[in-house]
Amino acid sequence: MWKVVTDRGDNLRGNGSVVMLETVEREIPVLTEMPGIVTGLKVSEGDVVRKGDVLAVIG
């Protein structure tokens, strides 16, 4: 996990960026599929994440 770009309580539109992942070659934004309010963040900057991990809760 490179950077958390939203905070709890933020109102995100569809395709809003939640976090940025970093690979060897580039930065990859993780986007929401639907609009909603961020009710919880499950990761912090510097965390190692894997496929299927919950990064944020959006309601």
PDB file of N, CA and C in Angstrom:
ATOM      1  N   MET A   1       0.851  -1.158   0.000  1.00  0.00           N
ATOM      2  CA  MET A   1       0.000   0.000   0.000  1.00  0.00           C
ATOM      3  C   MET A   1       0.899   1.223   0.000  1.00  0.00           C
ATOM      4  N   TRP A   2       0.728   2.062  -1.019  1.00  0.00           N
ATOM      5  CA  TRP A   2       1.578   3.244  -1.101  1.00  0.00           C
ATOM      6  C   TRP A   2       0.927   4.443  -0.428  1.00  0.00           C
ATOM      7  N   LYS A   3      -0.343   4.726  -0.782  1.00  0.00           N
ATOM      8  CA  LYS A   3      -0.968   5.937  -0.270  1.00  0.00           C
ATOM      9  C   LYS A   3      -2.482   5.758  -0.134  1.00  0.00           C
ATOM     10  N   VAL A   4      -3.025   6.185   0.999  1.00  0.00           N
ATOM     11  CA  VAL A   4      -4.474   6.232   1.193  1.00  0.00           C
ATOM     12  C   VAL A   4      -4.909   7.633   0.775  1.00  0.00           C
ATOM     13  N   VAL A   5      -5.818   7.722  -0.203  1.00  0.00           N
ATOM     14  CA  VAL A   5      -6.177   9.026  -0.762  1.00  0.00           C
ATOM     15  C   VAL A   5      -7.596   9.462  -0.397  1.00  0.00           C
ATOM     16  N   THR A   6      -8.198   8.807   0.571  1.00  0.00           N
ATOM     17  CA  THR A   6      -9.528   9.189   1.046  1.00  0.00           C
ATOM     18  C   THR A   6      -9.565   9.033   2.559  1.00  0.00           C
ATOM     19  N   ASP A   7     -10.554   9.629   3.171  1.00  0.00           N
ATOM     20  CA  ASP A   7     -10.721   9.548   4.622  1.00  0.00           C
ATOM     21  C   ASP A   7     -12.122   9.050   4.951  1.00  0.00           C
ATOM     22  N   ARG A   8     -12.267   8.561   6.170  1.00  0.00           N
ATOM     23  CA  ARG A   8     -13.590   8.150   6.637  1.00  0.00           C
ATOM     24  C   ARG A   8     -14.539   9.346   6.554  1.00  0.00           C
ATOM     25  N   GLY A   9     -15.738   9.116   6.028  1.00  0.00           N
ATOM     26  CA  GLY A   9     -16.723  10.175   5.875  1.00  0.00           C
ATOM     27  C   GLY A   9     -16.727  10.830   4.504  1.00  0.00           C
ATOM     28  N   ASP A  10     -15.697  10.558   3.690  1.00  0.00           N
ATOM     29  CA  ASP A  10     -15.665  11.131   2.342  1.00  0.00           C
ATOM     30  C   ASP A  10     -16.781  10.550   1.487  1.00  0.00           C
ATOM     31  N   ASN A  11     -17.384  11.386   0.683  1.00  0.00           N
ATOM     32  CA  ASN A  11     -18.435  10.976  -0.241  1.00  0.00           C
ATOM     33  C   ASN A  11     -17.795  10.765  -1.603  1.00  0.00           C
ATOM     34  N   LEU A  12     -17.718   9.500  -2.034  1.00  0.00           N
ATOM     35  CA  LEU A  12     -17.057   9.174  -3.295  1.00  0.00           C
ATOM     36  C   LEU A  12     -18.066   8.969  -4.404  1.00  0.00           C
ATOM     37  N   ARG A  13     -17.719   9.427  -5.581  1.00  0.00           N
ATOM     38  CA  ARG A  13     -18.523   9.159  -6.774  1.00  0.00           C
ATOM     39  C   ARG A  13     -18.083   7.825  -7.347  1.00  0.00           C
ATOM     40  N   GLY A  14     -18.859   7.289  -8.272  1.00  0.00           N
ATOM     41  CA  GLY A  14     -18.436   6.067  -8.956  1.00  0.00           C
ATOM     42  C   GLY A  14     -17.074   6.283  -9.591  1.00  0.00           C
ATOM     43  N   ASN A  15     -16.200   5.327  -9.502  1.00  0.00           N
ATOM     44  CA  ASN A  15     -14.819   5.393  -9.979  1.00  0.00           C
ATOM     45  C   ASN A  15     -13.965   6.369  -9.180  1.00  0.00           C
ATOM     46  N   GLY A  16     -14.370   6.685  -7.949  1.00  0.00           N
ATOM     47  CA  GLY A  16     -13.546   7.522  -7.082  1.00  0.00           C
ATOM     48  C   GLY A  16     -12.361   6.724  -6.561  1.00  0.00           C
ATOM     49  N   SER A  17     -11.228   7.362  -6.437  1.00  0.00           N
ATOM     50  CA  SER A  17     -10.015   6.699  -5.986  1.00  0.00           C
ATOM     51  C   SER A  17     -10.017   6.574  -4.466  1.00  0.00           C
ATOM     52  N   VAL A  18      -9.712   5.370  -3.966  1.00  0.00           N
ATOM     53  CA  VAL A  18      -9.683   5.102  -2.530  1.00  0.00           C
ATOM     54  C   VAL A  18      -8.243   5.033  -2.027  1.00  0.00           C
ATOM     55  N   VAL A  19      -7.427   4.223  -2.691  1.00  0.00           N
ATOM     56  CA  VAL A  19      -6.022   4.062  -2.327  1.00  0.00           C
ATOM     57  C   VAL A  19      -5.185   3.951  -3.601  1.00  0.00           C
ATOM     58  N   MET A  20      -3.875   4.094  -3.424  1.00  0.00           N
ATOM     59  CA  MET A  20      -2.935   3.899  -4.524  1.00  0.00           C
ATOM     60  C   MET A  20      -1.994   2.756  -4.142  1.00  0.00           C
ATOM     61  N   LEU A  21      -1.909   1.776  -5.025  1.00  0.00           N
ATOM     62  CA  LEU A  21      -0.962   0.682  -4.835  1.00  0.00           C
ATOM     63  C   LEU A  21       0.302   1.012  -5.614  1.00  0.00           C
ATOM     64  N   GLU A  22       1.425   0.518  -5.143  1.00  0.00           N
ATOM     65  CA  GLU A  22       2.686   0.761  -5.830  1.00  0.00           C
ATOM     66  C   GLU A  22       3.305  -0.572  -6.222  1.00  0.00           C
ATOM     67  N   THR A  23       3.697  -0.671  -7.484  1.00  0.00           N
ATOM     68  CA  THR A  23       4.428  -1.837  -7.967  1.00  0.00           C
ATOM     69  C   THR A  23       5.819  -1.375  -8.340  1.00  0.00           C
ATOM     70  N   VAL A  24       6.624  -2.274  -8.823  1.00  0.00           N
ATOM     71  CA  VAL A  24       7.981  -1.935  -9.224  1.00  0.00           C
ATOM     72  C   VAL A  24       7.971  -0.892 -10.339  1.00  0.00           C
ATOM     73  N   GLU A  25       6.986  -0.977 -11.221  1.00  0.00           N
ATOM     74  CA  GLU A  25       7.006  -0.137 -12.410  1.00  0.00           C
ATOM     75  C   GLU A  25       6.054   1.054 -12.380  1.00  0.00           C
ATOM     76  N   ARG A  26       5.001   1.015 -11.539  1.00  0.00           N
ATOM     77  CA  ARG A  26       4.032   2.110 -11.605  1.00  0.00           C
ATOM     78  C   ARG A  26       3.140   2.154 -10.373  1.00  0.00           C
ATOM     79  N   GLU A  27       2.323   3.231 -10.311  1.00  0.00           N
ATOM     80  CA  GLU A  27       1.334   3.403  -9.263  1.00  0.00           C
ATOM     81  C   GLU A  27      -0.030   3.045  -9.844  1.00  0.00           C
ATOM     82  N   ILE A  28      -0.834   2.308  -9.076  1.00  0.00           N
ATOM     83  CA  ILE A  28      -2.130   1.831  -9.564  1.00  0.00           C
ATOM     84  C   ILE A  28      -3.228   2.325  -8.626  1.00  0.00           C
ATOM     85  N   PRO A  29      -4.169   3.155  -9.130  1.00  0.00           N
ATOM     86  CA  PRO A  29      -5.280   3.578  -8.272  1.00  0.00           C
ATOM     87  C   PRO A  29      -6.287   2.448  -8.100  1.00  0.00           C
ATOM     88  N   VAL A  30      -6.836   2.317  -6.899  1.00  0.00           N
ATOM     89  CA  VAL A  30      -7.932   1.382  -6.644  1.00  0.00           C
ATOM     90  C   VAL A  30      -9.198   2.236  -6.580  1.00  0.00           C
ATOM     91  N   LEU A  31     -10.140   1.969  -7.478  1.00  0.00           N
ATOM     92  CA  LEU A  31     -11.326   2.792  -7.640  1.00  0.00           C
ATOM     93  C   LEU A  31     -12.569   2.112  -7.091  1.00  0.00           C
ATOM     94  N   THR A  32     -13.549   2.912  -6.686  1.00  0.00           N
ATOM     95  CA  THR A  32     -14.839   2.372  -6.268  1.00  0.00           C
ATOM     96  C   THR A  32     -15.632   1.972  -7.501  1.00  0.00           C
ATOM     97  N   GLU A  33     -16.514   1.013  -7.360  1.00  0.00           N
ATOM     98  CA  GLU A  33     -17.377   0.619  -8.462  1.00  0.00           C
ATOM     99  C   GLU A  33     -18.680   1.412  -8.457  1.00  0.00           C
ATOM    100  N   MET A  34     -19.086   1.878  -7.266  1.00  0.00           N
ATOM    101  CA  MET A  34     -20.343   2.617  -7.127  1.00  0.00           C
ATOM    102  C   MET A  34     -20.100   3.779  -6.167  1.00  0.00           C
ATOM    103  N   PRO A  35     -20.922   4.825  -6.262  1.00  0.00           N
ATOM    104  CA  PRO A  35     -20.765   5.939  -5.324  1.00  0.00           C
ATOM    105  C   PRO A  35     -21.163   5.534  -3.907  1.00  0.00           C
ATOM    106  N   GLY A  36     -20.629   6.245  -2.917  1.00  0.00           N
ATOM    107  CA  GLY A  36     -20.979   5.981  -1.530  1.00  0.00           C
ATOM    108  C   GLY A  36     -20.092   6.755  -0.583  1.00  0.00           C
ATOM    109  N   ILE A  37     -20.337   6.583   0.699  1.00  0.00           N
ATOM    110  CA  ILE A  37     -19.568   7.259   1.744  1.00  0.00           C
ATOM    111  C   ILE A  37     -18.618   6.258   2.387  1.00  0.00           C
ATOM    112  N   VAL A  38     -17.365   6.664   2.546  1.00  0.00           N
ATOM    113  CA  VAL A  38     -16.363   5.805   3.187  1.00  0.00           C
ATOM    114  C   VAL A  38     -16.710   5.705   4.669  1.00  0.00           C
ATOM    115  N   THR A  39     -17.043   4.491   5.114  1.00  0.00           N
ATOM    116  CA  THR A  39     -17.396   4.278   6.519  1.00  0.00           C
ATOM    117  C   THR A  39     -16.260   3.643   7.309  1.00  0.00           C
ATOM    118  N   GLY A  40     -15.235   3.166   6.625  1.00  0.00           N
ATOM    119  CA  GLY A  40     -14.092   2.584   7.311  1.00  0.00           C
ATOM    120  C   GLY A  40     -12.937   2.321   6.368  1.00  0.00           C
ATOM    121  N   LEU A  41     -11.730   2.467   6.868  1.00  0.00           N
ATOM    122  CA  LEU A  41     -10.526   2.121   6.120  1.00  0.00           C
ATOM    123  C   LEU A  41      -9.861   0.948   6.821  1.00  0.00           C
ATOM    124  N   LYS A  42      -9.533  -0.082   6.083  1.00  0.00           N
ATOM    125  CA  LYS A  42      -8.983  -1.309   6.656  1.00  0.00           C
ATOM    126  C   LYS A  42      -7.476  -1.442   6.453  1.00  0.00           C
ATOM    127  N   VAL A  43      -6.850  -0.462   5.802  1.00  0.00           N
ATOM    128  CA  VAL A  43      -5.416  -0.511   5.534  1.00  0.00           C
ATOM    129  C   VAL A  43      -4.784   0.825   5.893  1.00  0.00           C
ATOM    130  N   SER A  44      -3.482   0.794   6.056  1.00  0.00           N
ATOM    131  CA  SER A  44      -2.692   2.001   6.303  1.00  0.00           C
ATOM    132  C   SER A  44      -1.565   2.055   5.290  1.00  0.00           C
ATOM    133  N   GLU A  45      -1.014   3.246   5.102  1.00  0.00           N
ATOM    134  CA  GLU A  45       0.110   3.381   4.197  1.00  0.00           C
ATOM    135  C   GLU A  45       1.253   2.498   4.668  1.00  0.00           C
ATOM    136  N   GLY A  46       1.857   1.780   3.741  1.00  0.00           N
ATOM    137  CA  GLY A  46       2.956   0.876   4.056  1.00  0.00           C
ATOM    138  C   GLY A  46       2.534  -0.568   4.247  1.00  0.00           C
ATOM    139  N   ASP A  47       1.228  -0.832   4.393  1.00  0.00           N
ATOM    140  CA  ASP A  47       0.742  -2.208   4.552  1.00  0.00           C
ATOM    141  C   ASP A  47       0.976  -3.008   3.266  1.00  0.00           C
ATOM    142  N   VAL A  48       1.205  -4.284   3.415  1.00  0.00           N
ATOM    143  CA  VAL A  48       1.277  -5.195   2.271  1.00  0.00           C
ATOM    144  C   VAL A  48      -0.120  -5.756   2.063  1.00  0.00           C
ATOM    145  N   VAL A  49      -0.637  -5.635   0.850  1.00  0.00           N
ATOM    146  CA  VAL A  49      -1.979  -6.138   0.555  1.00  0.00           C
ATOM    147  C   VAL A  49      -1.909  -7.196  -0.526  1.00  0.00           C
ATOM    148  N   ARG A  50      -2.917  -8.072  -0.508  1.00  0.00           N
ATOM    149  CA  ARG A  50      -2.995  -9.159  -1.481  1.00  0.00           C
ATOM    150  C   ARG A  50      -4.357  -9.148  -2.145  1.00  0.00           C
ATOM    151  N   LYS A  51      -4.462  -9.837  -3.229  1.00  0.00           N
ATOM    152  CA  LYS A  51      -5.732  -9.958  -3.942  1.00  0.00           C
ATOM    153  C   LYS A  51      -6.794 -10.471  -2.978  1.00  0.00           C
ATOM    154  N   GLY A  52      -7.945  -9.795  -2.968  1.00  0.00           N
ATOM    155  CA  GLY A  52      -9.050 -10.191  -2.109  1.00  0.00           C
ATOM    156  C   GLY A  52      -9.102  -9.489  -0.774  1.00  0.00           C
ATOM    157  N   ASP A  53      -8.046  -8.762  -0.388  1.00  0.00           N
ATOM    158  CA  ASP A  53      -8.059  -8.031   0.879  1.00  0.00           C
ATOM    159  C   ASP A  53      -9.088  -6.902   0.830  1.00  0.00           C
ATOM    160  N   VAL A  54      -9.756  -6.665   1.946  1.00  0.00           N
ATOM    161  CA  VAL A  54     -10.673  -5.540   2.062  1.00  0.00           C
ATOM    162  C   VAL A  54      -9.836  -4.309   2.392  1.00  0.00           C
ATOM    163  N   LEU A  55      -9.946  -3.278   1.552  1.00  0.00           N
ATOM    164  CA  LEU A  55      -9.161  -2.063   1.738  1.00  0.00           C
ATOM    165  C   LEU A  55      -9.969  -0.965   2.420  1.00  0.00           C
ATOM    166  N   ALA A  56     -11.260  -0.896   2.086  1.00  0.00           N
ATOM    167  CA  ALA A  56     -12.127   0.131   2.651  1.00  0.00           C
ATOM    168  C   ALA A  56     -13.570  -0.386   2.642  1.00  0.00           C
ATOM    169  N   VAL A  57     -14.392   0.211   3.507  1.00  0.00           N
ATOM    170  CA  VAL A  57     -15.805  -0.089   3.542  1.00  0.00           C
ATOM    171  C   VAL A  57     -16.535   1.158   3.060  1.00  0.00           C
ATOM    172  N   ILE A  58     -17.384   0.990   2.041  1.00  0.00           N
ATOM    173  CA  ILE A  58     -18.121   2.110   1.471  1.00  0.00           C
ATOM    174  C   ILE A  58     -19.600   1.765   1.496  1.00  0.00           C
ATOM    175  N   GLY A  59     -20.382   2.631   2.116  1.00  0.00           N
ATOM    176  CA  GLY A  59     -21.796   2.361   2.264  1.00  0.00           C
ATOM    177  C   GLY A  59     -22.657   3.379   1.559  1.00  0.00           C
TER     178      GLY A  59
END
